[in-house]
């Protein structure tokens, strides 16, 4: 579910912050508190069962149900691994992009990064022996998505030239708030109370981290 994935990916500012700590830029107490709040919220989200998922198998349940629940748990673990990997990749993207911007500029950095992305995608298609294919009716939507995506990265890297580049990553991570709201409004995803609370903790932590670093 997007409501699980988005907050995990949005926790990437903690990794960016830890990177700056490794460079000797020690954060204050509020920044550490915010980071712990983000990690705690992500942990709760990761451990929250899906609606209808039982922690204990029902007595006398059919083997097929057990297999289904086992498959659901396995798929959930894979989802969490992918979301965690995306979080790490996003942090590396921001850190490497911030390092390149002073030398190349935000547009050049985004352009070069996209060329490597295209090469990677072509390699994936080659390995899978597939070719890109999509209905033409989706072309306007995919074009809009691509333009928004590119614009977002250019803006993200442009903000990285500020005095405190870690703030850019923290502020940008609040995209998760909109993502979760859209998942609930459009995709009709069920979001339980524990998840709502954990999501609130994650984004409150992001806001606190922004304020702490800005101070």
N, C-alpha and C. Protein backbone atom coordinates (compact mmCIF):
# COMPACT_ATOMS: atom_id res chain seq x y z
N UNK A 1 0.82 -1.21 0.00
CA UNK A 1 0.00 0.00 0.00
C UNK A 1 0.86 1.27 0.00
N UNK A 2 0.42 2.27 -0.75
CA UNK A 2 1.16 3.53 -0.82
C UNK A 2 1.24 4.18 0.56
N UNK A 3 0.20 4.00 1.37
CA UNK A 3 0.20 4.61 2.70
C UNK A 3 1.27 4.03 3.60
N UNK A 4 1.81 2.86 3.24
CA UNK A 4 2.93 2.27 3.99
C UNK A 4 4.26 2.68 3.36
N UNK A 5 4.29 2.66 2.03
CA UNK A 5 5.55 2.92 1.32
C UNK A 5 5.98 4.38 1.45
N UNK A 6 5.05 5.31 1.25
CA UNK A 6 5.40 6.73 1.20
C UNK A 6 6.09 7.23 2.47
N UNK A 7 5.57 6.93 3.68
CA UNK A 7 6.27 7.41 4.87
C UNK A 7 7.67 6.81 5.04
N UNK A 8 7.85 5.57 4.60
CA UNK A 8 9.18 4.94 4.70
C UNK A 8 10.16 5.66 3.79
N UNK A 9 9.75 5.92 2.56
CA UNK A 9 10.61 6.65 1.63
C UNK A 9 10.86 8.06 2.14
N UNK A 10 9.84 8.65 2.76
CA UNK A 10 9.96 10.02 3.26
C UNK A 10 10.91 10.15 4.44
N UNK A 11 11.35 9.02 4.98
CA UNK A 11 12.29 9.05 6.11
C UNK A 11 13.73 9.28 5.64
N UNK A 12 13.95 9.46 4.34
CA UNK A 12 15.31 9.63 3.83
C UNK A 12 16.07 10.81 4.43
N UNK A 13 15.41 11.90 4.93
CA UNK A 13 16.18 12.99 5.53
C UNK A 13 17.05 12.54 6.71
N UNK A 14 16.63 11.49 7.39
CA UNK A 14 17.45 10.99 8.50
C UNK A 14 18.80 10.51 7.97
N UNK A 15 18.79 9.81 6.83
CA UNK A 15 20.05 9.33 6.24
C UNK A 15 20.90 10.50 5.77
N UNK A 16 20.26 11.50 5.19
CA UNK A 16 20.99 12.69 4.74
C UNK A 16 21.61 13.40 5.95
N UNK A 17 20.84 13.46 7.03
CA UNK A 17 21.34 14.10 8.24
C UNK A 17 22.53 13.33 8.81
N UNK A 18 22.44 12.00 8.82
CA UNK A 18 23.56 11.19 9.32
C UNK A 18 24.81 11.39 8.46
N UNK A 19 24.62 11.58 7.18
CA UNK A 19 25.75 11.84 6.29
C UNK A 19 26.44 13.14 6.68
N UNK A 20 25.65 14.17 6.95
CA UNK A 20 26.23 15.45 7.34
C UNK A 20 26.90 15.35 8.72
N UNK A 21 26.36 14.48 9.57
CA UNK A 21 27.00 14.24 10.86
C UNK A 21 28.38 13.62 10.64
N UNK A 22 28.47 12.69 9.69
CA UNK A 22 29.75 12.05 9.39
C UNK A 22 30.77 13.07 8.88
N UNK A 23 30.28 14.16 8.30
CA UNK A 23 31.17 15.21 7.81
C UNK A 23 31.54 16.20 8.91
N UNK A 24 31.00 15.96 10.11
CA UNK A 24 31.34 16.82 11.23
C UNK A 24 30.32 17.89 11.53
N UNK A 25 29.18 17.86 10.85
CA UNK A 25 28.14 18.85 11.10
C UNK A 25 27.14 18.25 12.10
N UNK A 26 27.48 18.31 13.36
CA UNK A 26 26.67 17.69 14.40
C UNK A 26 25.35 18.44 14.58
N UNK A 27 24.21 17.73 14.55
CA UNK A 27 22.91 18.38 14.76
C UNK A 27 22.66 18.63 16.24
N UNK A 28 21.67 19.44 16.51
CA UNK A 28 21.29 19.72 17.89
C UNK A 28 20.38 18.64 18.46
N UNK A 29 19.98 18.84 19.70
CA UNK A 29 19.14 17.84 20.38
C UNK A 29 17.79 17.68 19.69
N UNK A 30 17.20 18.80 19.23
CA UNK A 30 15.90 18.72 18.57
C UNK A 30 15.99 17.92 17.27
N UNK A 31 17.09 18.07 16.54
CA UNK A 31 17.27 17.33 15.29
C UNK A 31 17.35 15.83 15.57
N UNK A 32 18.05 15.46 16.64
CA UNK A 32 18.13 14.04 17.00
C UNK A 32 16.76 13.52 17.43
N UNK A 33 16.02 14.33 18.19
CA UNK A 33 14.68 13.93 18.62
C UNK A 33 13.77 13.72 17.42
N UNK A 34 13.85 14.63 16.46
CA UNK A 34 13.03 14.50 15.26
C UNK A 34 13.41 13.25 14.47
N UNK A 35 14.68 12.96 14.39
CA UNK A 35 15.14 11.77 13.67
C UNK A 35 14.62 10.50 14.31
N UNK A 36 14.65 10.45 15.65
CA UNK A 36 14.13 9.28 16.36
C UNK A 36 12.62 9.13 16.15
N UNK A 37 11.92 10.27 16.09
CA UNK A 37 10.47 10.23 15.85
C UNK A 37 10.19 9.65 14.46
N UNK A 38 10.97 10.07 13.47
CA UNK A 38 10.79 9.57 12.11
C UNK A 38 11.03 8.06 12.06
N UNK A 39 12.14 7.62 12.64
CA UNK A 39 12.46 6.19 12.63
C UNK A 39 11.41 5.38 13.39
N UNK A 40 10.96 5.91 14.53
CA UNK A 40 9.93 5.21 15.31
C UNK A 40 8.63 5.08 14.54
N UNK A 41 8.22 6.16 13.87
CA UNK A 41 7.00 6.11 13.08
C UNK A 41 7.11 5.11 11.95
N UNK A 42 8.26 5.10 11.27
CA UNK A 42 8.47 4.15 10.18
C UNK A 42 8.41 2.72 10.69
N UNK A 43 8.97 2.47 11.87
CA UNK A 43 8.95 1.12 12.45
C UNK A 43 7.51 0.68 12.72
N UNK A 44 6.70 1.58 13.28
CA UNK A 44 5.30 1.23 13.57
C UNK A 44 4.55 0.93 12.29
N UNK A 45 4.77 1.74 11.26
CA UNK A 45 4.10 1.52 9.98
C UNK A 45 4.49 0.17 9.40
N UNK A 46 5.77 -0.15 9.50
CA UNK A 46 6.26 -1.41 8.95
C UNK A 46 5.70 -2.61 9.69
N UNK A 47 5.37 -2.45 10.97
CA UNK A 47 4.89 -3.57 11.77
C UNK A 47 3.37 -3.63 11.84
N UNK A 48 2.67 -2.63 11.28
CA UNK A 48 1.22 -2.61 11.35
C UNK A 48 0.64 -3.60 10.36
N UNK A 49 -0.17 -4.57 10.82
CA UNK A 49 -0.74 -5.55 9.88
C UNK A 49 -1.76 -4.92 8.97
N UNK A 50 -1.92 -5.51 7.80
CA UNK A 50 -2.94 -5.04 6.87
C UNK A 50 -4.32 -5.36 7.42
N UNK A 51 -5.38 -4.63 6.98
CA UNK A 51 -6.74 -4.94 7.41
C UNK A 51 -7.09 -6.39 7.08
N UNK A 52 -7.54 -7.11 8.10
CA UNK A 52 -7.92 -8.50 7.90
C UNK A 52 -6.78 -9.48 8.08
N UNK A 53 -5.57 -8.95 8.27
CA UNK A 53 -4.43 -9.85 8.47
C UNK A 53 -4.36 -10.22 9.94
N UNK A 54 -4.43 -11.48 10.23
CA UNK A 54 -4.44 -11.96 11.60
C UNK A 54 -3.04 -12.24 12.07
N UNK A 55 -2.76 -11.90 13.31
CA UNK A 55 -1.44 -12.17 13.87
C UNK A 55 -1.31 -13.66 14.21
N UNK A 56 -2.41 -14.30 14.57
CA UNK A 56 -2.41 -15.73 14.90
C UNK A 56 -3.36 -16.44 13.94
N UNK A 57 -2.97 -17.57 13.37
CA UNK A 57 -3.88 -18.28 12.48
C UNK A 57 -5.12 -18.74 13.23
N UNK A 58 -6.27 -18.60 12.61
CA UNK A 58 -7.53 -18.99 13.25
C UNK A 58 -7.56 -20.50 13.45
N UNK A 59 -8.17 -20.90 14.56
CA UNK A 59 -8.22 -22.33 14.87
C UNK A 59 -9.07 -23.05 13.82
N UNK A 60 -8.51 -24.12 13.26
CA UNK A 60 -9.24 -24.87 12.26
C UNK A 60 -9.26 -24.23 10.89
N UNK A 61 -8.39 -23.24 10.67
CA UNK A 61 -8.38 -22.57 9.37
C UNK A 61 -7.91 -23.52 8.29
N UNK A 62 -8.41 -23.33 7.11
CA UNK A 62 -8.04 -24.19 5.99
C UNK A 62 -6.61 -23.91 5.59
N UNK A 63 -5.89 -24.92 5.11
CA UNK A 63 -4.51 -24.73 4.69
C UNK A 63 -4.37 -23.64 3.64
N UNK A 64 -5.37 -23.52 2.75
CA UNK A 64 -5.29 -22.50 1.70
C UNK A 64 -5.25 -21.11 2.30
N UNK A 65 -6.00 -20.89 3.39
CA UNK A 65 -5.98 -19.59 4.05
C UNK A 65 -4.62 -19.31 4.65
N UNK A 66 -4.01 -20.37 5.26
CA UNK A 66 -2.68 -20.20 5.83
C UNK A 66 -1.67 -19.83 4.76
N UNK A 67 -1.79 -20.51 3.61
CA UNK A 67 -0.87 -20.20 2.50
C UNK A 67 -1.07 -18.78 2.04
N UNK A 68 -2.35 -18.35 1.95
CA UNK A 68 -2.63 -16.99 1.51
C UNK A 68 -2.04 -15.97 2.46
N UNK A 69 -2.21 -16.21 3.76
CA UNK A 69 -1.66 -15.29 4.76
C UNK A 69 -0.15 -15.29 4.71
N UNK A 70 0.44 -16.46 4.49
CA UNK A 70 1.89 -16.53 4.37
C UNK A 70 2.38 -15.76 3.15
N UNK A 71 1.65 -15.87 2.05
CA UNK A 71 2.00 -15.12 0.85
C UNK A 71 1.87 -13.62 1.09
N UNK A 72 0.82 -13.20 1.81
CA UNK A 72 0.63 -11.79 2.11
C UNK A 72 1.77 -11.24 2.95
N UNK A 73 2.18 -12.03 3.96
CA UNK A 73 3.28 -11.57 4.81
C UNK A 73 4.58 -11.49 4.01
N UNK A 74 4.80 -12.46 3.13
CA UNK A 74 6.01 -12.45 2.30
C UNK A 74 6.00 -11.25 1.36
N UNK A 75 4.84 -10.98 0.75
CA UNK A 75 4.74 -9.83 -0.15
C UNK A 75 4.95 -8.53 0.62
N UNK A 76 4.46 -8.49 1.86
CA UNK A 76 4.64 -7.28 2.67
C UNK A 76 6.11 -7.07 3.00
N UNK A 77 6.83 -8.16 3.31
CA UNK A 77 8.26 -8.04 3.59
C UNK A 77 9.01 -7.52 2.37
N UNK A 78 8.64 -8.06 1.19
CA UNK A 78 9.28 -7.60 -0.04
C UNK A 78 8.99 -6.12 -0.25
N UNK A 79 7.75 -5.71 0.00
CA UNK A 79 7.38 -4.30 -0.15
C UNK A 79 8.20 -3.41 0.77
N UNK A 80 8.38 -3.84 2.02
CA UNK A 80 9.15 -3.06 2.98
C UNK A 80 10.62 -2.97 2.56
N UNK A 81 11.15 -4.07 2.03
CA UNK A 81 12.54 -4.07 1.57
C UNK A 81 12.71 -3.09 0.40
N UNK A 82 11.75 -3.12 -0.52
CA UNK A 82 11.81 -2.22 -1.68
C UNK A 82 11.70 -0.77 -1.22
N UNK A 83 10.77 -0.49 -0.28
CA UNK A 83 10.59 0.87 0.21
C UNK A 83 11.84 1.35 0.94
N UNK A 84 12.45 0.47 1.75
CA UNK A 84 13.68 0.83 2.44
C UNK A 84 14.82 1.08 1.46
N UNK A 85 14.88 0.27 0.39
CA UNK A 85 15.90 0.48 -0.64
C UNK A 85 15.68 1.80 -1.36
N UNK A 86 14.41 2.13 -1.62
CA UNK A 86 14.10 3.41 -2.26
C UNK A 86 14.50 4.58 -1.36
N UNK A 87 14.28 4.42 -0.07
CA UNK A 87 14.67 5.45 0.89
C UNK A 87 16.18 5.68 0.83
N UNK A 88 16.95 4.59 0.83
CA UNK A 88 18.40 4.68 0.75
C UNK A 88 18.84 5.29 -0.58
N UNK A 89 18.23 4.83 -1.68
CA UNK A 89 18.59 5.34 -3.00
C UNK A 89 18.28 6.83 -3.11
N UNK A 90 17.16 7.24 -2.54
CA UNK A 90 16.78 8.65 -2.59
C UNK A 90 17.78 9.51 -1.83
N UNK A 91 18.24 9.01 -0.67
CA UNK A 91 19.23 9.75 0.10
C UNK A 91 20.55 9.87 -0.67
N UNK A 92 20.98 8.77 -1.31
CA UNK A 92 22.21 8.80 -2.10
C UNK A 92 22.05 9.76 -3.28
N UNK A 93 20.87 9.74 -3.91
CA UNK A 93 20.60 10.66 -5.02
C UNK A 93 20.76 12.11 -4.58
N UNK A 94 20.18 12.44 -3.44
CA UNK A 94 20.24 13.82 -2.95
C UNK A 94 21.67 14.21 -2.61
N UNK A 95 22.37 13.33 -1.90
CA UNK A 95 23.74 13.65 -1.48
C UNK A 95 24.66 13.81 -2.69
N UNK A 96 24.57 12.87 -3.64
CA UNK A 96 25.43 12.97 -4.82
C UNK A 96 25.04 14.16 -5.69
N UNK A 97 23.74 14.43 -5.80
CA UNK A 97 23.29 15.58 -6.57
C UNK A 97 23.76 16.88 -5.96
N UNK A 98 23.67 16.98 -4.64
CA UNK A 98 24.14 18.19 -3.95
C UNK A 98 25.64 18.40 -4.15
N UNK A 99 26.38 17.31 -4.25
CA UNK A 99 27.82 17.44 -4.46
C UNK A 99 28.14 17.90 -5.88
N UNK A 100 27.28 17.54 -6.85
CA UNK A 100 27.53 17.88 -8.25
C UNK A 100 27.05 19.27 -8.63
N UNK A 101 25.98 19.75 -7.98
CA UNK A 101 25.37 21.01 -8.37
C UNK A 101 26.35 22.19 -8.37
N UNK A 102 27.21 22.37 -7.35
CA UNK A 102 28.12 23.51 -7.38
C UNK A 102 29.05 23.52 -8.59
N UNK A 103 29.30 22.37 -9.19
CA UNK A 103 30.21 22.27 -10.32
C UNK A 103 29.48 22.26 -11.66
N UNK A 104 28.26 21.70 -11.70
CA UNK A 104 27.56 21.51 -12.96
C UNK A 104 26.28 22.33 -13.08
N UNK A 105 25.69 22.69 -11.94
CA UNK A 105 24.39 23.34 -11.97
C UNK A 105 23.28 22.30 -11.89
N UNK A 106 22.10 22.75 -11.45
CA UNK A 106 21.02 21.79 -11.22
C UNK A 106 20.48 21.18 -12.51
N UNK A 107 20.40 21.96 -13.60
CA UNK A 107 19.87 21.43 -14.86
C UNK A 107 20.82 20.39 -15.45
N UNK A 108 22.13 20.72 -15.50
CA UNK A 108 23.12 19.76 -16.02
C UNK A 108 23.13 18.48 -15.20
N UNK A 109 23.09 18.63 -13.87
CA UNK A 109 23.12 17.46 -13.00
C UNK A 109 21.92 16.56 -13.25
N UNK A 110 20.74 17.16 -13.36
CA UNK A 110 19.53 16.38 -13.63
C UNK A 110 19.62 15.71 -15.00
N UNK A 111 20.10 16.44 -16.00
CA UNK A 111 20.22 15.91 -17.36
C UNK A 111 21.16 14.69 -17.40
N UNK A 112 22.33 14.82 -16.81
CA UNK A 112 23.29 13.71 -16.80
C UNK A 112 22.72 12.52 -16.05
N UNK A 113 22.08 12.79 -14.91
CA UNK A 113 21.47 11.70 -14.14
C UNK A 113 20.41 10.97 -14.93
N UNK A 114 19.61 11.72 -15.71
CA UNK A 114 18.55 11.10 -16.51
C UNK A 114 19.14 10.24 -17.63
N UNK A 115 20.27 10.64 -18.18
CA UNK A 115 20.91 9.82 -19.21
C UNK A 115 21.30 8.46 -18.66
N UNK A 116 21.87 8.46 -17.44
CA UNK A 116 22.21 7.18 -16.81
C UNK A 116 20.95 6.38 -16.48
N UNK A 117 19.89 7.07 -16.08
CA UNK A 117 18.62 6.37 -15.80
C UNK A 117 18.09 5.69 -17.04
N UNK A 118 18.15 6.40 -18.17
CA UNK A 118 17.69 5.82 -19.43
C UNK A 118 18.52 4.59 -19.79
N UNK A 119 19.84 4.70 -19.62
CA UNK A 119 20.70 3.56 -19.91
C UNK A 119 20.37 2.35 -19.05
N UNK A 120 20.09 2.60 -17.76
CA UNK A 120 19.75 1.51 -16.86
C UNK A 120 18.43 0.86 -17.27
N UNK A 121 17.44 1.67 -17.63
CA UNK A 121 16.15 1.13 -18.04
C UNK A 121 16.28 0.28 -19.30
N UNK A 122 17.07 0.76 -20.26
CA UNK A 122 17.29 -0.01 -21.48
C UNK A 122 17.97 -1.34 -21.17
N UNK A 123 18.90 -1.32 -20.20
CA UNK A 123 19.57 -2.56 -19.82
C UNK A 123 18.58 -3.53 -19.18
N UNK A 124 17.66 -3.01 -18.37
CA UNK A 124 16.65 -3.87 -17.75
C UNK A 124 15.76 -4.51 -18.81
N UNK A 125 15.33 -3.71 -19.78
CA UNK A 125 14.51 -4.26 -20.86
C UNK A 125 15.29 -5.31 -21.64
N UNK A 126 16.58 -5.09 -21.85
CA UNK A 126 17.39 -6.05 -22.60
C UNK A 126 17.52 -7.36 -21.85
N UNK A 127 17.75 -7.29 -20.55
CA UNK A 127 17.88 -8.49 -19.74
C UNK A 127 16.57 -9.28 -19.71
N UNK A 128 15.47 -8.55 -19.63
CA UNK A 128 14.15 -9.21 -19.59
C UNK A 128 13.62 -9.55 -20.98
N UNK A 129 14.35 -9.15 -22.02
CA UNK A 129 13.96 -9.41 -23.40
C UNK A 129 12.57 -8.87 -23.68
N UNK A 130 12.36 -7.65 -23.23
CA UNK A 130 11.11 -6.95 -23.49
C UNK A 130 11.42 -5.62 -24.18
N UNK A 131 10.37 -4.98 -24.65
CA UNK A 131 10.55 -3.65 -25.21
C UNK A 131 9.48 -2.73 -24.64
N UNK A 132 9.80 -1.45 -24.51
CA UNK A 132 8.81 -0.52 -23.95
C UNK A 132 7.52 -0.54 -24.76
N UNK A 133 6.41 -0.61 -24.08
CA UNK A 133 5.12 -0.67 -24.76
C UNK A 133 4.05 -0.14 -23.82
N UNK A 134 3.27 0.80 -24.29
CA UNK A 134 2.17 1.32 -23.49
C UNK A 134 1.10 1.86 -24.44
N UNK A 135 -0.17 1.86 -24.02
CA UNK A 135 -1.23 2.41 -24.87
C UNK A 135 -1.01 3.90 -25.10
N UNK A 136 -1.26 4.36 -26.32
CA UNK A 136 -1.04 5.77 -26.66
C UNK A 136 -1.93 6.69 -25.82
N UNK A 137 -3.08 6.18 -25.35
CA UNK A 137 -3.97 7.03 -24.58
C UNK A 137 -3.34 7.48 -23.26
N UNK A 138 -2.30 6.73 -22.81
CA UNK A 138 -1.62 7.10 -21.56
C UNK A 138 -0.50 8.10 -21.79
N UNK A 139 -0.16 8.38 -23.04
CA UNK A 139 0.97 9.26 -23.33
C UNK A 139 0.83 10.65 -22.70
N UNK A 140 -0.33 11.31 -22.76
CA UNK A 140 -0.43 12.63 -22.10
C UNK A 140 -0.17 12.57 -20.60
N UNK A 141 -0.68 11.52 -19.94
CA UNK A 141 -0.48 11.40 -18.50
C UNK A 141 0.98 11.12 -18.17
N UNK A 142 1.61 10.24 -18.97
CA UNK A 142 3.02 9.93 -18.74
C UNK A 142 3.90 11.15 -19.04
N UNK A 143 3.52 11.93 -20.04
CA UNK A 143 4.26 13.16 -20.34
C UNK A 143 4.18 14.14 -19.18
N UNK A 144 2.96 14.31 -18.65
CA UNK A 144 2.78 15.20 -17.50
C UNK A 144 3.58 14.70 -16.31
N UNK A 145 3.52 13.38 -16.06
CA UNK A 145 4.27 12.80 -14.93
C UNK A 145 5.77 13.05 -15.10
N UNK A 146 6.28 12.88 -16.32
CA UNK A 146 7.69 13.10 -16.57
C UNK A 146 8.10 14.55 -16.37
N UNK A 147 7.27 15.48 -16.84
CA UNK A 147 7.57 16.91 -16.68
C UNK A 147 7.58 17.31 -15.21
N UNK A 148 6.59 16.82 -14.47
CA UNK A 148 6.53 17.13 -13.03
C UNK A 148 7.73 16.53 -12.30
N UNK A 149 8.08 15.30 -12.67
CA UNK A 149 9.20 14.62 -12.04
C UNK A 149 10.51 15.39 -12.28
N UNK A 150 10.74 15.77 -13.54
CA UNK A 150 11.95 16.52 -13.87
C UNK A 150 11.98 17.87 -13.16
N UNK A 151 10.84 18.55 -13.18
CA UNK A 151 10.77 19.85 -12.50
C UNK A 151 11.06 19.73 -11.01
N UNK A 152 10.55 18.65 -10.40
CA UNK A 152 10.77 18.44 -8.97
C UNK A 152 12.25 18.23 -8.66
N UNK A 153 12.94 17.45 -9.49
CA UNK A 153 14.36 17.20 -9.25
C UNK A 153 15.20 18.46 -9.47
N UNK A 154 14.86 19.23 -10.50
CA UNK A 154 15.59 20.48 -10.74
C UNK A 154 15.41 21.43 -9.55
N UNK A 155 14.17 21.52 -9.04
CA UNK A 155 13.91 22.38 -7.89
C UNK A 155 14.64 21.87 -6.65
N UNK A 156 14.63 20.54 -6.47
CA UNK A 156 15.31 19.95 -5.32
C UNK A 156 16.80 20.26 -5.34
N UNK A 157 17.42 20.10 -6.51
CA UNK A 157 18.85 20.36 -6.62
C UNK A 157 19.16 21.85 -6.56
N UNK A 158 18.24 22.68 -7.06
CA UNK A 158 18.45 24.13 -6.98
C UNK A 158 18.46 24.58 -5.52
N UNK A 159 17.57 23.98 -4.72
CA UNK A 159 17.54 24.33 -3.30
C UNK A 159 18.74 23.83 -2.54
N UNK A 160 19.50 22.91 -3.15
CA UNK A 160 20.66 22.34 -2.48
C UNK A 160 21.85 23.28 -2.45
N UNK A 161 21.73 24.41 -3.16
CA UNK A 161 22.82 25.39 -3.14
C UNK A 161 22.70 26.33 -1.95
N UNK A 162 21.68 26.13 -1.12
CA UNK A 162 21.49 26.99 0.05
C UNK A 162 22.56 26.71 1.09
N UNK A 163 22.54 27.54 2.14
CA UNK A 163 23.56 27.41 3.18
C UNK A 163 23.49 26.07 3.88
N UNK A 164 22.27 25.54 4.05
CA UNK A 164 22.09 24.25 4.72
C UNK A 164 21.34 23.31 3.77
N UNK A 165 22.07 22.59 2.91
CA UNK A 165 21.42 21.73 1.92
C UNK A 165 20.58 20.62 2.52
N UNK A 166 20.88 20.19 3.74
CA UNK A 166 20.08 19.12 4.36
C UNK A 166 18.62 19.55 4.50
N UNK A 167 18.38 20.86 4.64
CA UNK A 167 17.01 21.35 4.77
C UNK A 167 16.20 21.06 3.52
N UNK A 168 16.84 21.11 2.37
CA UNK A 168 16.13 20.86 1.12
C UNK A 168 15.56 19.45 1.09
N UNK A 169 16.37 18.48 1.48
CA UNK A 169 15.92 17.09 1.50
C UNK A 169 14.79 16.90 2.49
N UNK A 170 14.91 17.54 3.64
CA UNK A 170 13.88 17.40 4.67
C UNK A 170 12.56 17.98 4.19
N UNK A 171 12.61 19.18 3.62
CA UNK A 171 11.40 19.84 3.15
C UNK A 171 10.77 19.05 2.00
N UNK A 172 11.59 18.56 1.07
CA UNK A 172 11.07 17.83 -0.08
C UNK A 172 10.40 16.52 0.33
N UNK A 173 10.83 15.94 1.43
CA UNK A 173 10.28 14.65 1.84
C UNK A 173 8.82 14.74 2.27
N UNK A 174 8.31 15.95 2.47
CA UNK A 174 6.91 16.10 2.86
C UNK A 174 5.96 15.78 1.70
N UNK A 175 6.52 15.41 0.53
CA UNK A 175 5.67 14.93 -0.56
C UNK A 175 4.82 13.75 -0.09
N UNK A 176 5.30 13.04 0.92
CA UNK A 176 4.58 11.87 1.40
C UNK A 176 3.21 12.20 1.96
N UNK A 177 3.06 13.41 2.51
CA UNK A 177 1.76 13.81 3.04
C UNK A 177 0.72 13.81 1.93
N UNK A 178 1.07 14.44 0.81
CA UNK A 178 0.17 14.50 -0.33
C UNK A 178 -0.08 13.11 -0.89
N UNK A 179 0.99 12.29 -0.95
CA UNK A 179 0.87 10.94 -1.50
C UNK A 179 -0.13 10.10 -0.70
N UNK A 180 -0.01 10.14 0.62
CA UNK A 180 -0.91 9.35 1.47
C UNK A 180 -2.35 9.83 1.33
N UNK A 181 -2.54 11.16 1.30
CA UNK A 181 -3.89 11.70 1.16
C UNK A 181 -4.51 11.29 -0.16
N UNK A 182 -3.71 11.32 -1.24
CA UNK A 182 -4.22 10.91 -2.55
C UNK A 182 -4.53 9.41 -2.58
N UNK A 183 -3.69 8.62 -1.90
CA UNK A 183 -3.94 7.17 -1.86
C UNK A 183 -5.27 6.88 -1.17
N UNK A 184 -5.56 7.65 -0.14
CA UNK A 184 -6.83 7.46 0.57
C UNK A 184 -8.01 7.98 -0.24
N UNK A 185 -7.83 9.14 -0.88
CA UNK A 185 -8.94 9.77 -1.59
C UNK A 185 -9.23 9.11 -2.93
N UNK A 186 -8.18 8.72 -3.66
CA UNK A 186 -8.37 8.22 -5.03
C UNK A 186 -8.35 6.69 -5.08
N UNK A 187 -7.35 6.08 -4.45
CA UNK A 187 -7.23 4.62 -4.50
C UNK A 187 -8.05 3.92 -3.43
N UNK A 188 -8.65 4.72 -2.53
CA UNK A 188 -9.50 4.17 -1.47
C UNK A 188 -8.75 3.19 -0.58
N UNK A 189 -7.46 3.44 -0.33
CA UNK A 189 -6.70 2.57 0.56
C UNK A 189 -7.19 2.74 1.99
N UNK A 190 -7.29 1.61 2.67
CA UNK A 190 -7.66 1.65 4.09
C UNK A 190 -6.44 2.03 4.92
N UNK A 191 -6.62 3.00 5.78
CA UNK A 191 -5.53 3.42 6.67
C UNK A 191 -6.07 3.37 8.09
N UNK A 192 -5.56 2.44 8.88
CA UNK A 192 -6.03 2.27 10.24
C UNK A 192 -5.51 3.35 11.17
N UNK A 193 -6.08 3.40 12.36
CA UNK A 193 -5.68 4.42 13.33
C UNK A 193 -4.19 4.35 13.69
N UNK A 194 -3.62 3.15 13.95
CA UNK A 194 -2.18 3.11 14.24
C UNK A 194 -1.33 3.68 13.11
N UNK A 195 -1.75 3.40 11.88
CA UNK A 195 -1.03 3.92 10.73
C UNK A 195 -1.14 5.44 10.65
N UNK A 196 -2.35 5.96 10.87
CA UNK A 196 -2.53 7.41 10.84
C UNK A 196 -1.64 8.08 11.88
N UNK A 197 -1.62 7.49 13.08
CA UNK A 197 -0.80 8.07 14.14
C UNK A 197 0.68 8.02 13.78
N UNK A 198 1.11 6.86 13.23
CA UNK A 198 2.52 6.72 12.85
C UNK A 198 2.88 7.67 11.71
N UNK A 199 1.97 7.79 10.74
CA UNK A 199 2.21 8.72 9.63
C UNK A 199 2.33 10.15 10.18
N UNK A 200 1.44 10.48 11.12
CA UNK A 200 1.52 11.81 11.73
C UNK A 200 2.84 12.03 12.45
N UNK A 201 3.33 11.00 13.14
CA UNK A 201 4.61 11.10 13.85
C UNK A 201 5.75 11.32 12.86
N UNK A 202 5.73 10.56 11.74
CA UNK A 202 6.79 10.70 10.73
C UNK A 202 6.85 12.13 10.20
N UNK A 203 5.69 12.66 9.82
CA UNK A 203 5.69 13.98 9.21
C UNK A 203 5.86 15.09 10.23
N UNK A 204 5.44 14.84 11.48
CA UNK A 204 5.74 15.79 12.53
C UNK A 204 7.24 15.82 12.78
N UNK A 205 7.87 14.63 12.71
CA UNK A 205 9.32 14.57 12.86
C UNK A 205 10.03 15.30 11.75
N UNK A 206 9.52 15.16 10.51
CA UNK A 206 10.11 15.88 9.38
C UNK A 206 10.00 17.39 9.59
N UNK A 207 8.82 17.83 10.04
CA UNK A 207 8.62 19.26 10.29
C UNK A 207 9.54 19.76 11.40
N UNK A 208 9.66 18.97 12.47
CA UNK A 208 10.53 19.36 13.58
C UNK A 208 11.99 19.40 13.13
N UNK A 209 12.37 18.44 12.29
CA UNK A 209 13.74 18.41 11.79
C UNK A 209 14.02 19.64 10.93
N UNK A 210 13.04 20.02 10.11
CA UNK A 210 13.18 21.25 9.32
C UNK A 210 13.38 22.46 10.21
N UNK A 211 12.55 22.56 11.25
CA UNK A 211 12.63 23.71 12.14
C UNK A 211 13.95 23.70 12.93
N UNK A 212 14.33 22.52 13.39
CA UNK A 212 15.56 22.41 14.19
C UNK A 212 16.79 22.76 13.37
N UNK A 213 16.84 22.24 12.14
CA UNK A 213 17.99 22.53 11.29
C UNK A 213 17.98 23.99 10.83
N UNK A 214 16.77 24.51 10.63
CA UNK A 214 16.68 25.91 10.20
C UNK A 214 17.10 26.85 11.29
N UNK A 215 16.89 26.42 12.54
CA UNK A 215 17.31 27.26 13.65
C UNK A 215 18.78 27.22 13.87
